[in-house]
């Protein structure tokens, strides 16, 4: 069975040990609506969807099936973010080209240019090993 909006709501509700009646009171809506949502007979409004996400402390994207990441918002906030994962090696190459262009267009000193290159290298040092070698 596919992981649907309804099945995700039911899974979250059951994992928290909450009845359909209790969930309906927390939102607040009629209990029959929770049953309709879980059976995929009706879809919740954006407002109700946000309330369900808040109650279970998950993203609306998880409930909608746009992601399989069911971590709570608090768990996501506590996890350190690795910005370097956002960038590819191509981005790194473009950063060096940009630095070289800056050197010549802005007439940067060699010292300033090497500092910029060093910062780029540190940013892209994904394995956190000490940088070695000459630039």
N, C-alpha and C. Protein backbone atom coordinates (compact mmCIF):
# COMPACT_ATOMS: atom_id res chain seq x y z
N UNK A 1 0.85 -1.18 0.00
CA UNK A 1 0.00 0.00 0.00
C UNK A 1 0.89 1.24 0.00
N UNK A 2 0.55 2.19 -0.81
CA UNK A 2 1.33 3.42 -0.91
C UNK A 2 1.18 4.25 0.36
N UNK A 3 2.22 4.98 0.67
CA UNK A 3 2.20 5.86 1.83
C UNK A 3 1.44 7.13 1.45
N UNK A 4 0.18 7.21 1.84
CA UNK A 4 -0.67 8.33 1.46
C UNK A 4 -0.79 9.34 2.60
N UNK A 5 -1.37 10.48 2.28
CA UNK A 5 -1.63 11.49 3.31
C UNK A 5 -2.41 10.87 4.46
N UNK A 6 -3.45 10.13 4.12
CA UNK A 6 -4.29 9.50 5.15
C UNK A 6 -3.54 8.49 5.99
N UNK A 7 -2.72 7.67 5.33
CA UNK A 7 -1.97 6.66 6.09
C UNK A 7 -0.93 7.32 6.99
N UNK A 8 -0.38 8.43 6.54
CA UNK A 8 0.61 9.13 7.38
C UNK A 8 -0.06 9.75 8.61
N UNK A 9 -1.23 10.33 8.42
CA UNK A 9 -1.95 10.89 9.57
C UNK A 9 -2.27 9.78 10.56
N UNK A 10 -2.77 8.66 10.05
CA UNK A 10 -3.11 7.53 10.92
C UNK A 10 -1.87 7.00 11.65
N UNK A 11 -0.77 6.89 10.92
CA UNK A 11 0.47 6.38 11.51
C UNK A 11 0.95 7.31 12.64
N UNK A 12 0.93 8.61 12.38
CA UNK A 12 1.35 9.58 13.39
C UNK A 12 0.43 9.53 14.61
N UNK A 13 -0.85 9.47 14.34
CA UNK A 13 -1.83 9.44 15.43
C UNK A 13 -1.65 8.21 16.31
N UNK A 14 -1.51 7.06 15.67
CA UNK A 14 -1.35 5.80 16.42
C UNK A 14 -0.03 5.76 17.17
N UNK A 15 1.02 6.30 16.57
CA UNK A 15 2.33 6.32 17.23
C UNK A 15 2.30 7.14 18.51
N UNK A 16 1.45 8.15 18.55
CA UNK A 16 1.32 9.00 19.74
C UNK A 16 0.25 8.48 20.69
N UNK A 17 -0.46 7.42 20.28
CA UNK A 17 -1.50 6.86 21.12
C UNK A 17 -2.71 7.77 21.26
N UNK A 18 -3.00 8.50 20.20
CA UNK A 18 -4.12 9.44 20.21
C UNK A 18 -5.28 8.85 19.41
N UNK A 19 -6.48 8.96 19.95
CA UNK A 19 -7.66 8.48 19.22
C UNK A 19 -8.06 9.52 18.17
N UNK A 20 -8.89 9.07 17.23
CA UNK A 20 -9.42 10.01 16.24
C UNK A 20 -10.22 11.11 16.95
N UNK A 21 -10.97 10.70 17.96
CA UNK A 21 -11.78 11.67 18.71
C UNK A 21 -10.90 12.73 19.37
N UNK A 22 -9.82 12.30 19.99
CA UNK A 22 -8.92 13.25 20.67
C UNK A 22 -8.25 14.19 19.66
N UNK A 23 -7.79 13.64 18.53
CA UNK A 23 -7.16 14.46 17.50
C UNK A 23 -8.15 15.50 16.99
N UNK A 24 -9.39 15.07 16.77
CA UNK A 24 -10.42 16.00 16.28
C UNK A 24 -10.63 17.15 17.27
N UNK A 25 -10.61 16.85 18.56
CA UNK A 25 -10.79 17.90 19.57
C UNK A 25 -9.60 18.84 19.61
N UNK A 26 -8.41 18.32 19.38
CA UNK A 26 -7.20 19.16 19.40
C UNK A 26 -7.17 20.14 18.24
N UNK A 27 -7.81 19.79 17.12
CA UNK A 27 -7.68 20.63 15.92
C UNK A 27 -8.48 21.94 16.00
N UNK A 28 -9.66 22.12 16.32
CA UNK A 28 -10.83 21.27 16.52
C UNK A 28 -11.68 21.14 15.24
N UNK A 29 -12.06 19.91 14.98
CA UNK A 29 -12.97 19.60 13.87
C UNK A 29 -13.82 18.41 14.30
N UNK A 30 -14.75 18.03 13.46
CA UNK A 30 -15.60 16.88 13.74
C UNK A 30 -14.78 15.60 13.59
N UNK A 31 -15.02 14.63 14.46
CA UNK A 31 -14.28 13.37 14.43
C UNK A 31 -14.40 12.66 13.09
N UNK A 32 -15.55 12.76 12.46
CA UNK A 32 -15.75 12.08 11.17
C UNK A 32 -14.74 12.56 10.13
N UNK A 33 -14.30 13.82 10.25
CA UNK A 33 -13.32 14.35 9.29
C UNK A 33 -11.99 13.62 9.40
N UNK A 34 -11.60 13.28 10.62
CA UNK A 34 -10.34 12.54 10.81
C UNK A 34 -10.44 11.20 10.11
N UNK A 35 -11.58 10.54 10.25
CA UNK A 35 -11.80 9.26 9.58
C UNK A 35 -11.73 9.43 8.06
N UNK A 36 -12.36 10.47 7.55
CA UNK A 36 -12.31 10.73 6.10
C UNK A 36 -10.87 10.97 5.63
N UNK A 37 -10.11 11.75 6.41
CA UNK A 37 -8.72 12.02 6.03
C UNK A 37 -7.92 10.72 5.99
N UNK A 38 -8.07 9.91 7.03
CA UNK A 38 -7.28 8.68 7.12
C UNK A 38 -7.66 7.66 6.05
N UNK A 39 -8.89 7.72 5.58
CA UNK A 39 -9.34 6.82 4.50
C UNK A 39 -9.14 7.45 3.13
N UNK A 40 -8.52 8.61 3.10
CA UNK A 40 -8.27 9.35 1.86
C UNK A 40 -9.55 9.70 1.10
N UNK A 41 -10.64 9.88 1.84
CA UNK A 41 -11.90 10.26 1.21
C UNK A 41 -12.01 11.78 1.10
N UNK A 42 -11.31 12.48 1.98
CA UNK A 42 -11.27 13.94 1.95
C UNK A 42 -9.86 14.38 2.27
N UNK A 43 -9.53 15.59 1.84
CA UNK A 43 -8.21 16.16 2.15
C UNK A 43 -8.40 17.32 3.11
N UNK A 44 -7.52 17.43 4.09
CA UNK A 44 -7.65 18.54 5.03
C UNK A 44 -7.31 19.87 4.36
N UNK A 45 -7.91 20.93 4.86
CA UNK A 45 -7.57 22.27 4.37
C UNK A 45 -6.13 22.58 4.80
N UNK A 46 -5.57 23.62 4.23
CA UNK A 46 -4.20 24.01 4.59
C UNK A 46 -4.11 24.32 6.08
N UNK A 47 -5.12 24.97 6.62
CA UNK A 47 -5.13 25.31 8.04
C UNK A 47 -5.14 24.06 8.91
N UNK A 48 -5.99 23.11 8.57
CA UNK A 48 -6.07 21.86 9.33
C UNK A 48 -4.77 21.07 9.18
N UNK A 49 -4.22 21.05 7.99
CA UNK A 49 -2.95 20.35 7.75
C UNK A 49 -1.85 20.92 8.64
N UNK A 50 -1.78 22.25 8.74
CA UNK A 50 -0.78 22.89 9.61
C UNK A 50 -1.00 22.51 11.07
N UNK A 51 -2.25 22.47 11.49
CA UNK A 51 -2.55 22.10 12.88
C UNK A 51 -2.14 20.66 13.16
N UNK A 52 -2.40 19.76 12.21
CA UNK A 52 -2.00 18.36 12.38
C UNK A 52 -0.48 18.27 12.48
N UNK A 53 0.21 18.98 11.60
CA UNK A 53 1.68 18.98 11.63
C UNK A 53 2.19 19.51 12.97
N UNK A 54 1.57 20.56 13.48
CA UNK A 54 1.98 21.13 14.77
C UNK A 54 1.72 20.15 15.91
N UNK A 55 0.59 19.48 15.88
CA UNK A 55 0.25 18.53 16.94
C UNK A 55 1.27 17.39 16.99
N UNK A 56 1.69 16.91 15.83
CA UNK A 56 2.63 15.79 15.78
C UNK A 56 4.08 16.24 15.64
N UNK A 57 4.29 17.55 15.58
CA UNK A 57 5.63 18.13 15.50
C UNK A 57 6.42 17.58 14.31
N UNK A 58 5.75 17.53 13.16
CA UNK A 58 6.40 17.13 11.91
C UNK A 58 6.12 18.20 10.86
N UNK A 59 6.78 18.10 9.74
CA UNK A 59 6.54 19.08 8.68
C UNK A 59 5.28 18.72 7.88
N UNK A 60 4.67 19.73 7.29
CA UNK A 60 3.54 19.46 6.41
C UNK A 60 4.02 18.67 5.20
N UNK A 61 5.26 18.88 4.79
CA UNK A 61 5.81 18.11 3.66
C UNK A 61 5.80 16.62 3.97
N UNK A 62 6.09 16.24 5.21
CA UNK A 62 6.06 14.82 5.57
C UNK A 62 4.63 14.28 5.44
N UNK A 63 3.67 14.99 5.99
CA UNK A 63 2.28 14.53 5.94
C UNK A 63 1.80 14.42 4.50
N UNK A 64 2.20 15.37 3.66
CA UNK A 64 1.79 15.37 2.25
C UNK A 64 2.52 14.34 1.41
N UNK A 65 3.55 13.70 1.97
CA UNK A 65 4.30 12.69 1.22
C UNK A 65 5.39 13.29 0.34
N UNK A 66 5.72 14.56 0.56
CA UNK A 66 6.75 15.20 -0.25
C UNK A 66 8.15 14.86 0.26
N UNK A 67 8.23 14.32 1.47
CA UNK A 67 9.49 13.85 2.03
C UNK A 67 9.20 12.66 2.93
N UNK A 68 10.18 11.81 3.09
CA UNK A 68 10.03 10.67 4.00
C UNK A 68 10.70 10.95 5.34
N UNK A 69 11.16 12.16 5.53
CA UNK A 69 11.83 12.56 6.76
C UNK A 69 10.78 12.87 7.81
N UNK A 70 10.59 11.94 8.75
CA UNK A 70 9.55 12.11 9.76
C UNK A 70 10.10 12.64 11.08
N UNK A 71 11.35 13.13 11.05
CA UNK A 71 11.90 13.69 12.29
C UNK A 71 11.05 14.87 12.74
N UNK A 72 11.03 15.06 14.04
CA UNK A 72 10.28 16.19 14.56
C UNK A 72 11.03 17.48 14.23
N UNK A 73 10.32 18.57 14.27
CA UNK A 73 10.91 19.87 14.00
C UNK A 73 12.06 20.11 14.99
N UNK A 74 11.86 19.72 16.25
CA UNK A 74 12.90 19.92 17.26
C UNK A 74 14.15 19.09 16.93
N UNK A 75 13.97 17.87 16.46
CA UNK A 75 15.12 17.04 16.07
C UNK A 75 15.88 17.68 14.91
N UNK A 76 15.17 18.22 13.97
CA UNK A 76 15.81 18.87 12.82
C UNK A 76 16.58 20.11 13.28
N UNK A 77 15.99 20.89 14.18
CA UNK A 77 16.66 22.10 14.68
C UNK A 77 17.95 21.76 15.42
N UNK A 78 17.97 20.64 16.13
CA UNK A 78 19.13 20.28 16.94
C UNK A 78 20.26 19.67 16.12
N UNK A 79 19.99 19.21 14.93
CA UNK A 79 21.02 18.60 14.10
C UNK A 79 21.87 19.69 13.45
N UNK A 80 23.20 19.61 13.61
CA UNK A 80 24.03 20.62 12.96
C UNK A 80 23.89 20.54 11.45
N UNK A 81 23.91 21.69 10.82
CA UNK A 81 23.75 21.74 9.37
C UNK A 81 25.10 21.87 8.70
N UNK A 82 25.37 21.03 7.71
CA UNK A 82 26.63 21.06 6.98
C UNK A 82 26.40 21.83 5.68
N UNK A 83 26.75 23.11 5.70
CA UNK A 83 26.54 23.96 4.54
C UNK A 83 27.29 23.48 3.31
N UNK A 84 28.43 22.83 3.51
CA UNK A 84 29.21 22.41 2.35
C UNK A 84 28.47 21.36 1.52
N UNK A 85 27.48 20.68 2.10
CA UNK A 85 26.71 19.71 1.33
C UNK A 85 25.86 20.39 0.26
N UNK A 86 25.64 21.68 0.42
CA UNK A 86 24.84 22.41 -0.56
C UNK A 86 25.60 22.67 -1.86
N UNK A 87 26.91 22.60 -1.78
CA UNK A 87 27.74 23.00 -2.90
C UNK A 87 28.42 21.82 -3.55
N UNK A 88 28.58 21.88 -4.85
CA UNK A 88 29.24 20.83 -5.62
C UNK A 88 30.68 21.24 -5.90
N UNK A 89 31.43 20.31 -6.48
CA UNK A 89 32.80 20.64 -6.87
C UNK A 89 32.78 21.74 -7.93
N UNK A 90 31.76 21.75 -8.76
CA UNK A 90 31.64 22.80 -9.77
C UNK A 90 31.50 24.16 -9.10
N UNK A 91 30.71 24.21 -8.01
CA UNK A 91 30.57 25.46 -7.26
C UNK A 91 31.92 25.89 -6.69
N UNK A 92 32.68 24.91 -6.21
CA UNK A 92 34.00 25.22 -5.65
C UNK A 92 34.90 25.83 -6.72
N UNK A 93 34.89 25.24 -7.90
CA UNK A 93 35.69 25.77 -9.00
C UNK A 93 35.28 27.19 -9.36
N UNK A 94 33.97 27.42 -9.37
CA UNK A 94 33.47 28.76 -9.68
C UNK A 94 33.88 29.77 -8.61
N UNK A 95 33.96 29.31 -7.36
CA UNK A 95 34.40 30.20 -6.28
C UNK A 95 35.84 30.64 -6.50
N UNK A 96 36.69 29.71 -6.94
CA UNK A 96 38.09 30.06 -7.21
C UNK A 96 38.19 31.03 -8.41
N UNK A 97 37.38 30.79 -9.42
CA UNK A 97 37.38 31.69 -10.59
C UNK A 97 36.92 33.08 -10.17
N UNK A 98 35.88 33.14 -9.35
CA UNK A 98 35.39 34.42 -8.85
C UNK A 98 36.50 35.15 -8.07
N UNK A 99 37.22 34.41 -7.23
CA UNK A 99 38.31 35.01 -6.46
C UNK A 99 39.38 35.57 -7.39
N UNK A 100 39.71 34.81 -8.44
CA UNK A 100 40.73 35.28 -9.40
C UNK A 100 40.25 36.54 -10.11
N UNK A 101 38.98 36.57 -10.50
CA UNK A 101 38.43 37.76 -11.15
C UNK A 101 38.46 38.97 -10.20
N UNK A 102 38.15 38.72 -8.93
CA UNK A 102 38.21 39.80 -7.95
C UNK A 102 39.62 40.36 -7.83
N UNK A 103 40.60 39.46 -7.84
CA UNK A 103 41.99 39.90 -7.69
C UNK A 103 42.34 40.90 -8.78
N UNK A 104 41.98 40.58 -9.99
CA UNK A 104 42.38 41.44 -11.10
C UNK A 104 41.48 42.66 -11.26
N UNK A 105 40.19 42.50 -11.05
CA UNK A 105 39.27 43.63 -11.22
C UNK A 105 39.35 44.62 -10.06
N UNK A 106 39.59 44.11 -8.87
CA UNK A 106 39.66 44.97 -7.69
C UNK A 106 41.10 45.29 -7.30
N UNK A 107 42.04 44.76 -8.08
CA UNK A 107 43.46 44.98 -7.81
C UNK A 107 43.83 44.60 -6.37
N UNK A 108 43.39 43.39 -5.98
CA UNK A 108 43.68 42.91 -4.63
C UNK A 108 45.16 42.60 -4.49
N UNK A 109 45.65 42.79 -3.28
CA UNK A 109 47.04 42.41 -3.02
C UNK A 109 47.13 40.88 -3.03
N UNK A 110 48.33 40.38 -3.24
CA UNK A 110 48.53 38.92 -3.21
C UNK A 110 48.11 38.36 -1.86
N UNK A 111 48.41 39.08 -0.79
CA UNK A 111 48.08 38.62 0.56
C UNK A 111 46.56 38.47 0.72
N UNK A 112 45.80 39.47 0.29
CA UNK A 112 44.34 39.42 0.39
C UNK A 112 43.79 38.30 -0.48
N UNK A 113 44.33 38.17 -1.69
CA UNK A 113 43.89 37.12 -2.60
C UNK A 113 44.12 35.74 -1.98
N UNK A 114 45.30 35.53 -1.39
CA UNK A 114 45.60 34.23 -0.79
C UNK A 114 44.72 33.96 0.43
N UNK A 115 44.35 35.01 1.15
CA UNK A 115 43.43 34.84 2.28
C UNK A 115 42.06 34.38 1.78
N UNK A 116 41.59 34.98 0.69
CA UNK A 116 40.30 34.58 0.11
C UNK A 116 40.37 33.13 -0.36
N UNK A 117 41.43 32.77 -1.05
CA UNK A 117 41.60 31.39 -1.53
C UNK A 117 41.62 30.43 -0.35
N UNK A 118 42.31 30.80 0.72
CA UNK A 118 42.38 29.95 1.90
C UNK A 118 41.00 29.76 2.51
N UNK A 119 40.20 30.82 2.57
CA UNK A 119 38.84 30.72 3.11
C UNK A 119 37.97 29.81 2.24
N UNK A 120 38.11 29.92 0.94
CA UNK A 120 37.37 29.03 0.03
C UNK A 120 37.78 27.59 0.28
N UNK A 121 39.07 27.35 0.39
CA UNK A 121 39.57 25.98 0.62
C UNK A 121 39.05 25.44 1.95
N UNK A 122 39.04 26.27 2.98
CA UNK A 122 38.54 25.82 4.29
C UNK A 122 37.04 25.51 4.21
N UNK A 123 36.31 26.34 3.48
CA UNK A 123 34.87 26.12 3.35
C UNK A 123 34.58 24.78 2.68
N UNK A 124 35.35 24.46 1.64
CA UNK A 124 35.10 23.23 0.89
C UNK A 124 35.84 22.03 1.43
N UNK A 125 36.54 22.16 2.53
CA UNK A 125 37.26 21.04 3.14
C UNK A 125 36.24 20.16 3.86
N UNK A 126 35.55 19.33 3.12
CA UNK A 126 34.42 18.54 3.63
C UNK A 126 34.81 17.51 4.68
N UNK A 127 36.04 16.99 4.61
CA UNK A 127 36.42 15.95 5.57
C UNK A 127 37.03 16.53 6.84
N UNK A 128 37.08 17.84 6.95
CA UNK A 128 37.59 18.54 8.13
C UNK A 128 39.02 18.18 8.50
N UNK A 129 39.79 17.70 7.54
CA UNK A 129 41.20 17.44 7.79
C UNK A 129 41.95 18.75 7.65
N UNK A 130 43.09 18.88 8.35
CA UNK A 130 43.87 20.11 8.20
C UNK A 130 44.29 20.31 6.76
N UNK A 131 44.28 21.55 6.33
CA UNK A 131 44.71 21.87 4.98
C UNK A 131 46.23 21.80 4.91
N UNK A 132 46.74 21.20 3.84
CA UNK A 132 48.19 21.16 3.69
C UNK A 132 48.55 21.52 2.26
N UNK A 133 49.80 21.72 2.01
CA UNK A 133 50.23 22.09 0.67
C UNK A 133 50.15 23.58 0.47
N UNK A 134 50.71 24.01 -0.62
CA UNK A 134 50.72 25.44 -0.91
C UNK A 134 49.60 25.78 -1.86
N UNK A 135 49.19 27.00 -1.78
CA UNK A 135 48.12 27.48 -2.66
C UNK A 135 48.72 28.00 -3.93
